[in-house]
């Protein structure tokens, strides 16, 4: 049994101090949105409860699918790094992909992303996307949809170059006996988000995934738990979205994350995936079990 925790959209508060660079139009927009809305929803106390809950969980690997920051400021990248380090997990047990808030303005991800590089490189030590990390019976594939966009937009895309690299990577994994999980920030699903906040090359990604044996897609961005499927070569590809990890639940869905258990039957070449949905309870200020589900993948361990 291999245990995975999947969290997303931490939006770690508070906002960084105002500096001269904060007069960029989108940063002004982001600060106003935080003051009017998000500061009432995203609380450090929820992240403290999340850390306590993760401390009690059996975790072989932690996946974080983006939006750890709010404005992509360097101070926020430092704060996020410290938050992850405080979990006490070895670097090889953590995989991160960035979200649109981590690339909030041009250059933000290029500058701040270096602080998270140890959690965003492949097993050979190379940086860049997509990356591949083999852990036990699982192959984690991380892609980047984080892009700097104009005010009012939160869209993302992979781009042709990354899609080509992803197809090459998946082709190389075709016959590898592993349960393959794609980590992405934006949901690769039509209609989940409005166009201005959607994955703009989601159809191209869906067509690519249909050609290769990916078993599970983990994403964030929507700030709510999502369950869906995509057509796959050997059956349905499970798509699961985590809610915002710091959301108190005053004006929308409370914080939510996944605990997953992958059980591979080497003899039968099959995989059983158990998912526990952990949900923040504002009254007790703790996380508790929500829904549970089990998915069987015939031939899932082999490709």
Foldseek 3Di string as FASTA:
>chain_A
DAKEWEAEQLQDDDADDDDPVCVPVQSVVLVVCCVVPVVVWFDVLLVVQVLVVLLPDDHQAYEYQENQHRQLDLVSLVVSLVSVVVSVDDLLRYAYEYFQNNCQDPPSCVVSVVSVQSRAAEPVSDHDPFHWYDDVQAIETEAYQHHHDDHPAREGERDPVRLVVVLVVQVVCQFPQHQYEYRHAFFLDPPLDPPRNHHPCSVVVLVSQQAGQHAEYEYERSQPWDWDWGHHVQGTRTYIYFHNSRTLAPPHFAGKIKMKDWDADVVQLKIKIKIWIWGADNVVSHIDTDDIDMDIGGNSRTD
